[in-house]
Amino acid sequence: MTTILNADLHCHSVVSDGTLTPEELAARASANGVELWALTDHDEIGGVQRAALAAKAHGLKFLTGVEISVTFIGQTVHIVGLGFDADNNQLHEGLRRTRGGRKERAMEMSDGLAQVGISGAYEGALKFVGNPELISRTHFARFLVESGVCKETNEVFRKFLTEGKPGFVPHRWATLKDAVTWITEAGGMAVIAHPARYKFTPNEEFALFNEFKNHGGQGVEVVTGSHSAAEYLVYAETAKEFGLAASRGSDFHSPGESHTELGSLPLLPGQLTPVWEALAGRIQ
């Protein structure tokens, strides 16, 4: 019988591009009735030990987590890793290589914004960065909101930070095979994050899921903060089609920015295998 849990297995702290500490997130998850939690910072597991200790202090079941940036058919795709050994050297080295190049990319983004009259964006974005190795578009967006250029971060992305806009600079991340291999060889499960967000054709999406499965990927986020109710059902069917376990996570970043609160998502649709059943032995 499927175990029904209020699990939130996708969120971000100040270690990447969130605004709360791992300890604050653990407290917030616990207060919101989350029963199983994972911190999934971008390309970094430096907050995992703090998150595990904070989860234990709140009596909260915990899985190690990370969200790895991948380039697939010219687009950035995110692969969440859950339940891995956080001391695995291959995973650490792979994430270190993936983080490389963010500074150079950020400086190019700043140059692009300067050309449309927004100066000092790199230095401004750094004020919002907990870890300079992980400077990202989100940090630039917060600077442009603080500067009054835009009213909210979503507006910044639309006007300045998406493809074809002045602050957009593509970055070549890890390969899909790399990310899945690092996670699985560290004893964890690889999960495709928020699949509805990618602008793939049906054939390209099939290729993503097929290649992911062939490399050893085992899960997909079905219920997540950026999916609609209709998309929950679409990706429930995709999970069944490819024999993947189903995950659930808010993708929470900040109380002031995130539309989906920790622990507030609907439960997974029925007749799916939750990722936590396959990872039962890895839950702390």
Protein backbone atom coordinates (compact mmCIF):
# COMPACT_ATOMS: atom_id res chain seq x y z
CA MET A 1 0.00 0.00 0.00
CA THR A 2 1.32 3.48 -0.95
CA THR A 3 2.53 5.60 1.97
CA ILE A 4 0.85 9.03 1.93
CA LEU A 5 3.12 11.74 3.31
CA ASN A 6 3.26 15.51 3.35
CA ALA A 7 6.74 15.36 1.83
CA ASP A 8 8.52 18.47 0.53
CA LEU A 9 11.59 17.33 -1.37
CA HIS A 10 12.60 20.50 -3.24
CA CYS A 11 13.59 23.83 -1.67
CA HIS A 12 16.53 26.22 -1.48
CA SER A 13 18.49 27.97 1.26
CA VAL A 14 21.00 30.83 1.38
CA VAL A 15 23.65 28.27 0.40
CA SER A 16 22.36 28.68 -3.17
CA ASP A 17 19.60 31.14 -4.13
CA GLY A 18 17.13 30.98 -1.25
CA THR A 19 16.82 33.65 1.43
CA LEU A 20 16.45 31.46 4.54
CA THR A 21 19.09 29.40 6.32
CA PRO A 22 18.83 25.60 6.42
CA GLU A 23 17.82 25.93 10.08
CA GLU A 24 15.05 28.42 9.26
CA LEU A 25 13.76 26.17 6.49
CA ALA A 26 13.65 23.15 8.80
CA ALA A 27 11.65 25.15 11.35
CA ARG A 28 9.28 26.42 8.64
CA ALA A 29 8.78 22.94 7.19
CA SER A 30 8.03 21.52 10.64
CA ALA A 31 5.59 24.33 11.46
CA ASN A 32 3.79 23.72 8.16
CA GLY A 33 3.23 20.03 8.85
CA VAL A 34 5.90 18.62 6.54
CA GLU A 35 6.66 15.01 7.51
CA LEU A 36 9.62 14.34 5.20
CA TRP A 37 11.94 17.10 4.01
CA ALA A 38 14.94 17.59 1.73
CA LEU A 39 17.07 20.68 1.11
CA THR A 40 18.00 20.77 -2.60
CA ASP A 41 20.35 23.69 -3.15
CA HIS A 42 21.64 24.32 -6.68
CA ASP A 43 24.85 22.41 -7.48
CA GLU A 44 25.91 22.51 -3.83
CA ILE A 45 25.52 20.27 -0.78
CA GLY A 46 27.26 22.57 1.71
CA GLY A 47 24.01 23.06 3.64
CA VAL A 48 22.99 19.42 3.87
CA GLN A 49 24.65 18.62 7.21
CA ARG A 50 23.14 21.72 8.84
CA ALA A 51 19.75 20.80 7.37
CA ALA A 52 20.00 17.24 8.69
CA LEU A 53 20.83 18.43 12.20
CA ALA A 54 18.02 20.99 12.15
CA ALA A 55 15.54 18.41 10.86
CA LYS A 56 16.51 16.05 13.68
CA ALA A 57 16.01 18.83 16.24
CA HIS A 58 12.45 19.33 14.94
CA GLY A 59 11.67 15.60 14.76
CA LEU A 60 11.45 15.90 10.98
CA LYS A 61 12.33 12.97 8.72
CA PHE A 62 15.05 13.99 6.27
CA LEU A 63 16.64 13.03 2.94
CA THR A 64 19.88 14.46 1.60
CA GLY A 65 19.23 16.53 -1.51
CA VAL A 66 20.70 18.62 -4.34
CA GLU A 67 19.48 20.15 -7.62
CA ILE A 68 21.99 19.77 -10.45
CA SER A 69 21.95 21.99 -13.55
CA VAL A 70 22.15 20.04 -16.81
CA THR A 71 22.29 21.05 -20.47
CA PHE A 72 20.00 18.92 -22.65
CA ILE A 73 19.20 19.76 -26.30
CA GLY A 74 20.45 23.29 -25.71
CA GLN A 75 18.24 23.92 -22.68
CA THR A 76 18.93 23.97 -18.95
CA VAL A 77 17.22 21.08 -17.17
CA HIS A 78 17.35 20.44 -13.43
CA ILE A 79 17.92 17.02 -11.91
CA VAL A 80 17.20 16.59 -8.22
CA GLY A 81 19.22 14.04 -6.29
CA LEU A 82 17.73 12.50 -3.14
CA GLY A 83 19.02 10.11 -0.49
CA PHE A 84 22.68 10.06 -1.55
CA ASP A 85 25.82 9.79 0.58
CA ALA A 86 26.75 13.44 1.16
CA ASP A 87 30.41 12.47 1.68
CA ASN A 88 30.79 10.90 -1.78
CA ASN A 89 33.94 12.32 -3.43
CA GLN A 90 32.77 11.86 -7.02
CA LEU A 91 29.59 13.82 -6.31
CA HIS A 92 31.53 16.60 -4.58
CA GLU A 93 33.96 16.92 -7.48
CA GLY A 94 31.20 16.86 -10.10
CA LEU A 95 29.31 19.62 -8.32
CA ARG A 96 32.49 21.68 -7.98
CA ARG A 97 33.04 21.48 -11.74
CA THR A 98 29.41 22.40 -12.40
CA ARG A 99 29.68 25.50 -10.21
CA GLY A 100 32.75 26.61 -12.15
CA GLY A 101 32.07 29.34 -14.66
CA ARG A 102 29.23 31.02 -12.76
CA LYS A 103 31.35 34.09 -11.97
CA GLU A 104 32.33 34.58 -15.62
CA ARG A 105 28.72 34.14 -16.68
CA ALA A 106 27.56 36.63 -14.05
CA MET A 107 30.03 39.25 -15.24
CA GLU A 108 28.78 38.82 -18.81
CA MET A 109 25.21 39.25 -17.56
CA SER A 110 26.27 42.45 -15.81
CA ASP A 111 27.87 43.74 -19.01
CA GLY A 112 24.66 43.05 -20.94
CA LEU A 113 22.58 44.94 -18.38
CA ALA A 114 25.06 47.86 -18.43
CA GLN A 115 24.46 48.21 -22.17
CA VAL A 116 20.79 49.03 -21.44
CA GLY A 117 21.63 51.50 -18.69
CA ILE A 118 21.70 49.27 -15.59
CA SER A 119 25.16 49.69 -14.10
CA GLY A 120 26.79 47.89 -11.18
CA ALA A 121 24.59 44.80 -11.49
CA TYR A 122 27.35 42.30 -10.68
CA GLU A 123 28.32 44.10 -7.47
CA GLY A 124 24.64 44.61 -6.64
CA ALA A 125 23.82 40.94 -7.13
CA LEU A 126 26.72 39.91 -4.90
CA LYS A 127 24.99 41.58 -1.94
CA PHE A 128 22.32 38.88 -2.15
CA VAL A 129 24.71 35.93 -2.53
CA GLY A 130 25.40 33.62 0.41
CA ASN A 131 27.96 31.66 -1.63
CA PRO A 132 29.75 33.64 -4.42
CA GLU A 133 30.41 30.37 -6.31
CA LEU A 134 26.64 30.12 -6.80
CA ILE A 135 25.76 33.59 -8.08
CA SER A 136 22.73 33.21 -10.33
CA ARG A 137 20.01 35.04 -12.24
CA THR A 138 17.91 35.09 -9.07
CA HIS A 139 20.49 37.26 -7.31
CA PHE A 140 20.47 39.71 -10.24
CA ALA A 141 16.67 39.74 -10.11
CA ARG A 142 16.69 40.67 -6.42
CA PHE A 143 19.12 43.53 -7.12
CA LEU A 144 16.91 44.91 -9.91
CA VAL A 145 13.89 44.82 -7.61
CA GLU A 146 15.83 46.54 -4.81
CA SER A 147 17.00 49.16 -7.33
CA GLY A 148 13.43 49.88 -8.40
CA VAL A 149 13.98 48.76 -12.00
CA CYS A 150 11.18 46.20 -11.58
CA LYS A 151 8.51 45.57 -8.96
CA GLU A 152 9.07 41.81 -8.55
CA THR A 153 11.56 39.16 -9.55
CA ASN A 154 9.24 37.54 -12.10
CA GLU A 155 9.13 40.85 -13.97
CA VAL A 156 12.94 40.98 -14.01
CA PHE A 157 13.15 37.54 -15.58
CA ARG A 158 10.60 38.43 -18.26
CA LYS A 159 12.23 41.73 -19.21
CA PHE A 160 15.94 41.10 -18.72
CA LEU A 161 17.03 37.55 -17.90
CA THR A 162 15.44 35.16 -20.40
CA GLU A 163 16.73 34.23 -23.84
CA GLY A 164 16.88 37.21 -26.18
CA LYS A 165 16.89 39.75 -23.32
CA PRO A 166 19.88 41.95 -22.43
CA GLY A 167 20.97 40.12 -19.27
CA PHE A 168 20.65 36.57 -20.58
CA VAL A 169 23.85 34.55 -20.92
CA PRO A 170 23.62 30.79 -21.52
CA HIS A 171 25.81 28.46 -19.49
CA ARG A 172 26.86 24.95 -20.40
CA TRP A 173 26.20 22.76 -17.39
CA ALA A 174 26.81 19.07 -16.69
CA THR A 175 25.48 16.43 -19.07
CA LEU A 176 22.38 14.43 -18.15
CA LYS A 177 24.52 11.31 -17.89
CA ASP A 178 26.97 13.07 -15.55
CA ALA A 179 24.29 14.26 -13.13
CA VAL A 180 22.42 10.95 -12.98
CA THR A 181 25.67 9.02 -12.56
CA TRP A 182 26.97 11.22 -9.74
CA ILE A 183 23.71 10.83 -7.83
CA THR A 184 23.19 7.10 -8.35
CA GLU A 185 26.80 6.14 -7.68
CA ALA A 186 26.53 8.05 -4.39
CA GLY A 187 23.62 5.74 -3.49
CA GLY A 188 20.84 8.22 -4.26
CA MET A 189 17.92 8.59 -6.64
CA ALA A 190 17.92 10.98 -9.61
CA VAL A 191 14.63 12.84 -10.23
CA ILE A 192 13.66 15.12 -13.13
CA ALA A 193 12.62 18.43 -11.53
CA HIS A 194 9.48 20.36 -12.62
CA PRO A 195 9.28 18.88 -16.16
CA ALA A 196 6.44 21.14 -17.30
CA ARG A 197 8.77 24.16 -17.11
CA TYR A 198 10.92 23.04 -20.04
CA LYS A 199 9.88 24.21 -23.49
CA PHE A 200 10.49 20.90 -25.23
CA THR A 201 8.49 19.52 -28.13
CA PRO A 202 6.77 16.19 -27.38
CA ASN A 203 9.58 14.35 -29.19
CA GLU A 204 12.26 16.23 -27.25
CA GLU A 205 10.51 15.54 -23.95
CA PHE A 206 10.28 11.85 -24.82
CA ALA A 207 14.02 11.91 -25.58
CA LEU A 208 14.71 13.52 -22.19
CA PHE A 209 12.76 10.90 -20.25
CA ASN A 210 14.07 8.03 -22.34
CA GLU A 211 17.72 9.05 -21.98
CA PHE A 212 17.24 9.83 -18.28
CA LYS A 213 15.82 6.36 -17.68
CA ASN A 214 18.60 4.72 -19.72
CA HIS A 215 21.24 6.43 -17.60
CA GLY A 216 19.66 5.10 -14.41
CA GLY A 217 17.26 7.92 -13.49
CA GLN A 218 14.39 6.69 -11.32
CA GLY A 219 12.03 9.55 -10.48
CA VAL A 220 10.10 12.62 -11.67
CA GLU A 221 8.51 15.53 -9.83
CA VAL A 222 4.80 15.19 -10.41
CA VAL A 223 3.45 17.67 -7.86
CA THR A 224 5.64 20.78 -7.68
CA GLY A 225 5.22 24.51 -7.19
CA SER A 226 5.32 25.48 -10.87
CA HIS A 227 2.92 22.76 -12.09
CA SER A 228 -0.80 23.30 -12.61
CA ALA A 229 -3.39 20.79 -11.45
CA ALA A 230 -3.69 19.55 -15.05
CA GLU A 231 0.09 19.09 -15.22
CA TYR A 232 0.02 16.96 -12.06
CA LEU A 233 -2.11 14.49 -14.02
CA VAL A 234 0.01 14.72 -17.17
CA TYR A 235 3.22 13.86 -15.32
CA ALA A 236 1.50 11.22 -13.20
CA GLU A 237 0.84 9.45 -16.50
CA THR A 238 4.42 10.09 -17.62
CA ALA A 239 5.70 8.55 -14.40
CA LYS A 240 3.64 5.45 -15.08
CA GLU A 241 4.65 5.33 -18.75
CA PHE A 242 8.37 5.34 -17.93
CA GLY A 243 8.15 3.35 -14.71
CA LEU A 244 9.41 6.25 -12.58
CA ALA A 245 8.78 6.97 -8.91
CA ALA A 246 6.87 10.20 -8.20
CA SER A 247 8.24 13.10 -6.17
CA ARG A 248 6.64 16.14 -4.57
CA GLY A 249 8.29 19.47 -3.73
CA SER A 250 7.39 23.15 -3.48
CA ASP A 251 10.64 24.56 -4.97
CA PHE A 252 10.40 27.13 -2.16
CA HIS A 253 13.03 29.91 -2.25
CA SER A 254 11.78 32.80 -0.13
CA PRO A 255 8.74 33.94 1.87
CA GLY A 256 8.57 37.11 -0.21
CA GLU A 257 9.00 35.52 -3.63
CA SER A 258 7.69 31.97 -3.71
CA HIS A 259 4.07 31.41 -4.69
CA THR A 260 4.06 27.93 -3.14
CA GLU A 261 4.72 27.59 0.58
CA LEU A 262 6.68 24.69 2.06
CA GLY A 263 4.37 21.74 2.67
CA SER A 264 1.33 23.33 1.01
CA LEU A 265 1.08 21.23 -2.16
CA PRO A 266 -1.68 18.70 -2.86
CA LEU A 267 -0.79 15.09 -2.15
CA LEU A 268 0.48 12.91 -4.97
CA PRO A 269 -2.18 11.45 -7.27
CA GLY A 270 -3.01 7.81 -6.51
CA GLN A 271 -1.55 4.73 -8.19
CA LEU A 272 1.98 6.14 -8.17
CA THR A 273 5.06 4.88 -6.36
CA PRO A 274 6.40 7.72 -4.17
CA VAL A 275 10.15 8.25 -4.20
CA TRP A 276 10.26 7.84 -0.42
CA GLU A 277 9.20 4.20 -0.67
CA ALA A 278 12.24 3.40 -2.81
CA LEU A 279 14.43 5.52 -0.51
CA ALA A 280 13.08 4.21 2.79
CA GLY A 281 16.52 2.95 3.84
CA ARG A 282 18.08 6.39 3.22
CA ILE A 283 15.68 8.44 5.36
CA GLN A 284 17.32 10.01 8.41
